[in-house]
Structures are given as C-alpha cells and as structure tokens.
C-alpha cells in the first residue's frame, strides 16, 4: 500500500523488509519490554488508539506517563482551563524533566567558545515556554 500511495516502487519495501527493520530497531533500543534509550519522555492517553504500540506500564523513572481520559498527544496541545489535574501535572513534570536535561547539557559544555553569550537567556521556560508564561502556559519548542 505504501508503494502505491507514495510511489516508492524503486524501494524494496515489503512485509519482510518492515519486519526486519522493526526487529533491528527493537534490538537497538530494547523494544517495548527492554527499553534502553535515554532522555525520552513517553506519553499515552487512555483514549489513544496508538497506546498499545508503546509502553503502557513502566516505572516513573522511565519518564513514561499514561494520561487518563486523554487522547493522542494531549500533553502537546495548549493548556486549557478544562484540562484534567493529571494532564496539568504531567505537563509540569515534562517541563521539569526537559529543563533538567537542558541544564545538564549546558553544564557539560567545557569549551568557553561553545557557551552562550552572557546576555543570552538559556532559562528553560524562556526557551521552551516563553518568558512571560503563566500557570496555563503552552509547551512549545521553537
């Protein structure tokens, strides 16, 4: 079907090719049951039809969140006053997690020439959410 729709007839795409690629990816990253990638946040909504393709149950330290009553990518939409408390809490957790990663990255820069100028705002909220953000800020990566 992909070849028919996208015209990739010159690519050797088949069920076997897809299965091989999936096995290679699972071997590299551990698949759903032995996941070993780092600096990843995984979210699923309980109403998301794709949730069965990801990790539905995991340790909190895995940065994996199931959002009850939410659909696909709910945490990526702008905050709304009708958002559930859980969705609001998970957005805050994601902001904190990514902020820590950005902070670790910035503190690991050794070469002074690679450091941002002193007048550059590298605060996570300024970079990702916007300097004048309030309680119901959107998570937007620019």
C-alpha atoms as a PDB file:
ATOM      1  CA  UNK A   1       0.000   0.000   0.000  1.00  0.00           C
ATOM      2  CA  UNK A   2       2.819   2.470   0.865  1.00  0.00           C
ATOM      3  CA  UNK A   3       4.426   1.888  -2.514  1.00  0.00           C
ATOM      4  CA  UNK A   4       1.104   2.505  -4.246  1.00  0.00           C
ATOM      5  CA  UNK A   5       0.355   5.684  -2.311  1.00  0.00           C
ATOM      6  CA  UNK A   6       3.818   7.244  -2.188  1.00  0.00           C
ATOM      7  CA  UNK A   7       5.228   5.861  -5.416  1.00  0.00           C
ATOM      8  CA  UNK A   8       8.208   4.184  -3.766  1.00  0.00           C
ATOM      9  CA  UNK A   9       8.281   1.410  -6.316  1.00  0.00           C
ATOM     10  CA  UNK A  10      12.071   1.673  -6.603  1.00  0.00           C
ATOM     11  CA  UNK A  11      12.426   0.837  -2.890  1.00  0.00           C
ATOM     12  CA  UNK A  12      12.335  -2.824  -1.951  1.00  0.00           C
ATOM     13  CA  UNK A  13       9.532  -2.433   0.574  1.00  0.00           C
ATOM     14  CA  UNK A  14       7.678  -5.488   1.727  1.00  0.00           C
ATOM     15  CA  UNK A  15       6.295  -7.052   4.886  1.00  0.00           C
ATOM     16  CA  UNK A  16       9.626  -8.838   5.305  1.00  0.00           C
ATOM     17  CA  UNK A  17      11.560  -5.550   4.958  1.00  0.00           C
ATOM     18  CA  UNK A  18       9.274  -3.930   7.530  1.00  0.00           C
ATOM     19  CA  UNK A  19       9.629  -6.860   9.926  1.00  0.00           C
ATOM     20  CA  UNK A  20      13.423  -6.805   9.585  1.00  0.00           C
ATOM     21  CA  UNK A  21      13.544  -3.048  10.222  1.00  0.00           C
ATOM     22  CA  UNK A  22      11.313  -3.443  13.283  1.00  0.00           C
ATOM     23  CA  UNK A  23      13.493  -6.223  14.692  1.00  0.00           C
ATOM     24  CA  UNK A  24      16.630  -4.122  14.140  1.00  0.00           C
ATOM     25  CA  UNK A  25      15.066  -1.109  15.864  1.00  0.00           C
ATOM     26  CA  UNK A  26      13.897  -3.251  18.793  1.00  0.00           C
ATOM     27  CA  UNK A  27      17.368  -4.778  19.061  1.00  0.00           C
ATOM     28  CA  UNK A  28      18.978  -1.336  19.127  1.00  0.00           C
ATOM     29  CA  UNK A  29      16.560   0.283  21.613  1.00  0.00           C
ATOM     30  CA  UNK A  30      15.299  -2.760  23.501  1.00  0.00           C
ATOM     31  CA  UNK A  31      11.743  -2.749  22.228  1.00  0.00           C
ATOM     32  CA  UNK A  32       8.728  -2.322  24.452  1.00  0.00           C
ATOM     33  CA  UNK A  33       9.918  -4.771  27.109  1.00  0.00           C
ATOM     34  CA  UNK A  34      13.621  -3.966  27.381  1.00  0.00           C
ATOM     35  CA  UNK A  35      13.674  -0.267  26.531  1.00  0.00           C
ATOM     36  CA  UNK A  36      17.111   1.314  26.848  1.00  0.00           C
ATOM     37  CA  UNK A  37      17.004   4.725  25.169  1.00  0.00           C
ATOM     38  CA  UNK A  38      17.779   7.775  27.300  1.00  0.00           C
ATOM     39  CA  UNK A  39      16.422  11.312  27.580  1.00  0.00           C
ATOM     40  CA  UNK A  40      12.989  10.318  26.316  1.00  0.00           C
ATOM     41  CA  UNK A  41       9.549  11.194  27.641  1.00  0.00           C
ATOM     42  CA  UNK A  42       6.786   8.817  26.579  1.00  0.00           C
ATOM     43  CA  UNK A  43       3.150   9.733  26.991  1.00  0.00           C
ATOM     44  CA  UNK A  44      -0.038   7.944  26.130  1.00  0.00           C
ATOM     45  CA  UNK A  45      -3.655   8.862  26.591  1.00  0.00           C
ATOM     46  CA  UNK A  46      -6.038   6.192  27.821  1.00  0.00           C
ATOM     47  CA  UNK A  47      -8.276   7.060  24.838  1.00  0.00           C
ATOM     48  CA  UNK A  48      -5.373   6.937  22.358  1.00  0.00           C
ATOM     49  CA  UNK A  49      -5.738   4.070  19.871  1.00  0.00           C
ATOM     50  CA  UNK A  50      -1.927   4.042  19.476  1.00  0.00           C
ATOM     51  CA  UNK A  51      -1.283   3.358  23.173  1.00  0.00           C
ATOM     52  CA  UNK A  52      -0.944  -0.388  22.649  1.00  0.00           C
ATOM     53  CA  UNK A  53       2.110   0.228  20.455  1.00  0.00           C
ATOM     54  CA  UNK A  54       4.050   1.851  23.287  1.00  0.00           C
ATOM     55  CA  UNK A  55       4.879   1.216  26.913  1.00  0.00           C
ATOM     56  CA  UNK A  56       1.613   1.303  28.811  1.00  0.00           C
ATOM     57  CA  UNK A  57       3.128   0.316  32.157  1.00  0.00           C
ATOM     58  CA  UNK A  58       6.517   1.478  33.327  1.00  0.00           C
ATOM     59  CA  UNK A  59       8.426   2.861  36.252  1.00  0.00           C
ATOM     60  CA  UNK A  60       8.103   6.591  36.913  1.00  0.00           C
ATOM     61  CA  UNK A  61      11.871   6.898  36.450  1.00  0.00           C
ATOM     62  CA  UNK A  62      11.329   5.816  32.816  1.00  0.00           C
ATOM     63  CA  UNK A  63       9.541   9.137  32.140  1.00  0.00           C
ATOM     64  CA  UNK A  64       6.517   7.238  30.881  1.00  0.00           C
ATOM     65  CA  UNK A  65       3.073   8.632  31.599  1.00  0.00           C
ATOM     66  CA  UNK A  66      -0.459   7.356  30.968  1.00  0.00           C
ATOM     67  CA  UNK A  67      -2.940  10.231  30.936  1.00  0.00           C
ATOM     68  CA  UNK A  68      -6.405   9.032  31.900  1.00  0.00           C
ATOM     69  CA  UNK A  69      -9.225  10.329  29.717  1.00  0.00           C
ATOM     70  CA  UNK A  70      -6.836  11.878  27.196  1.00  0.00           C
ATOM     71  CA  UNK A  71      -6.318  11.185  23.521  1.00  0.00           C
ATOM     72  CA  UNK A  72      -3.259  11.230  21.265  1.00  0.00           C
ATOM     73  CA  UNK A  73      -0.717  14.000  22.094  1.00  0.00           C
ATOM     74  CA  UNK A  74      -2.978  15.699  24.662  1.00  0.00           C
ATOM     75  CA  UNK A  75       0.051  16.973  26.596  1.00  0.00           C
ATOM     76  CA  UNK A  76       1.296  18.797  23.499  1.00  0.00           C
ATOM     77  CA  UNK A  77      -1.847  20.877  22.981  1.00  0.00           C
ATOM     78  CA  UNK A  78      -2.167  24.311  24.567  1.00  0.00           C
ATOM     79  CA  UNK A  79      -3.219  24.247  28.200  1.00  0.00           C
ATOM     80  CA  UNK A  80      -6.915  24.822  28.767  1.00  0.00           C
ATOM     81  CA  UNK A  81      -8.907  25.545  31.891  1.00  0.00           C
ATOM     82  CA  UNK A  82     -10.845  22.315  31.375  1.00  0.00           C
ATOM     83  CA  UNK A  83      -7.698  20.135  31.379  1.00  0.00           C
ATOM     84  CA  UNK A  84      -7.703  17.414  33.992  1.00  0.00           C
ATOM     85  CA  UNK A  85      -5.470  17.879  37.046  1.00  0.00           C
ATOM     86  CA  UNK A  86      -3.466  14.828  35.902  1.00  0.00           C
ATOM     87  CA  UNK A  87      -2.812  16.332  32.455  1.00  0.00           C
ATOM     88  CA  UNK A  88      -1.714  19.618  34.059  1.00  0.00           C
ATOM     89  CA  UNK A  89       0.574  17.737  36.460  1.00  0.00           C
ATOM     90  CA  UNK A  90       2.143  15.669  33.663  1.00  0.00           C
ATOM     91  CA  UNK A  91       2.828  18.799  31.602  1.00  0.00           C
ATOM     92  CA  UNK A  92       4.659  20.240  34.631  1.00  0.00           C
ATOM     93  CA  UNK A  93       6.653  17.025  35.065  1.00  0.00           C
ATOM     94  CA  UNK A  94       7.641  17.043  31.381  1.00  0.00           C
ATOM     95  CA  UNK A  95       8.737  20.677  31.658  1.00  0.00           C
ATOM     96  CA  UNK A  96      10.875  19.846  34.711  1.00  0.00           C
ATOM     97  CA  UNK A  97      12.424  16.744  33.093  1.00  0.00           C
ATOM     98  CA  UNK A  98      13.370  18.544  29.883  1.00  0.00           C
ATOM     99  CA  UNK A  99      14.606  21.525  31.895  1.00  0.00           C
ATOM    100  CA  UNK A 100      16.957  19.229  33.806  1.00  0.00           C
ATOM    101  CA  UNK A 101      18.267  17.741  30.544  1.00  0.00           C
ATOM    102  CA  UNK A 102      18.888  21.190  29.089  1.00  0.00           C
ATOM    103  CA  UNK A 103      20.602  22.269  32.321  1.00  0.00           C
ATOM    104  CA  UNK A 104      22.819  19.178  32.335  1.00  0.00           C
ATOM    105  CA  UNK A 105      23.739  19.757  28.711  1.00  0.00           C
ATOM    106  CA  UNK A 106      24.640  23.399  29.351  1.00  0.00           C
ATOM    107  CA  UNK A 107      26.737  22.483  32.411  1.00  0.00           C
ATOM    108  CA  UNK A 108      28.629  19.849  30.402  1.00  0.00           C
ATOM    109  CA  UNK A 109      29.847  22.355  27.820  1.00  0.00           C
ATOM    110  CA  UNK A 110      33.563  22.710  28.533  1.00  0.00           C
ATOM    111  CA  UNK A 111      34.780  24.885  25.684  1.00  0.00           C
ATOM    112  CA  UNK A 112      34.032  28.530  26.539  1.00  0.00           C
ATOM    113  CA  UNK A 113      33.545  29.308  22.843  1.00  0.00           C
ATOM    114  CA  UNK A 114      30.573  26.926  22.832  1.00  0.00           C
ATOM    115  CA  UNK A 115      28.912  28.607  25.804  1.00  0.00           C
ATOM    116  CA  UNK A 116      26.101  31.048  25.034  1.00  0.00           C
ATOM    117  CA  UNK A 117      26.936  34.745  25.463  1.00  0.00           C
ATOM    118  CA  UNK A 118      26.294  36.146  28.948  1.00  0.00           C
ATOM    119  CA  UNK A 119      23.331  38.137  27.700  1.00  0.00           C
ATOM    120  CA  UNK A 120      21.614  35.089  26.151  1.00  0.00           C
ATOM    121  CA  UNK A 121      18.702  33.774  28.187  1.00  0.00           C
ATOM    122  CA  UNK A 122      19.082  29.999  28.472  1.00  0.00           C
ATOM    123  CA  UNK A 123      16.374  29.594  31.088  1.00  0.00           C
ATOM    124  CA  UNK A 124      14.223  26.602  30.142  1.00  0.00           C
ATOM    125  CA  UNK A 125      10.946  28.469  30.470  1.00  0.00           C
ATOM    126  CA  UNK A 126      12.206  31.245  28.210  1.00  0.00           C
ATOM    127  CA  UNK A 127      13.461  28.796  25.606  1.00  0.00           C
ATOM    128  CA  UNK A 128      10.531  26.434  25.539  1.00  0.00           C
ATOM    129  CA  UNK A 129       7.511  28.068  27.067  1.00  0.00           C
ATOM    130  CA  UNK A 130       8.049  31.780  26.720  1.00  0.00           C
ATOM    131  CA  UNK A 131       9.459  34.315  29.133  1.00  0.00           C
ATOM    132  CA  UNK A 132       6.147  35.732  30.329  1.00  0.00           C
ATOM    133  CA  UNK A 133       4.398  32.412  30.700  1.00  0.00           C
ATOM    134  CA  UNK A 134       1.803  31.885  33.350  1.00  0.00           C
ATOM    135  CA  UNK A 135       0.188  28.930  35.047  1.00  0.00           C
ATOM    136  CA  UNK A 136      -1.583  27.701  31.907  1.00  0.00           C
ATOM    137  CA  UNK A 137       1.359  28.010  29.525  1.00  0.00           C
ATOM    138  CA  UNK A 138       1.733  26.012  26.359  1.00  0.00           C
ATOM    139  CA  UNK A 139       4.668  23.708  25.846  1.00  0.00           C
ATOM    140  CA  UNK A 140       6.068  24.821  22.520  1.00  0.00           C
ATOM    141  CA  UNK A 141       9.536  24.015  21.294  1.00  0.00           C
ATOM    142  CA  UNK A 142      10.915  26.621  18.912  1.00  0.00           C
END
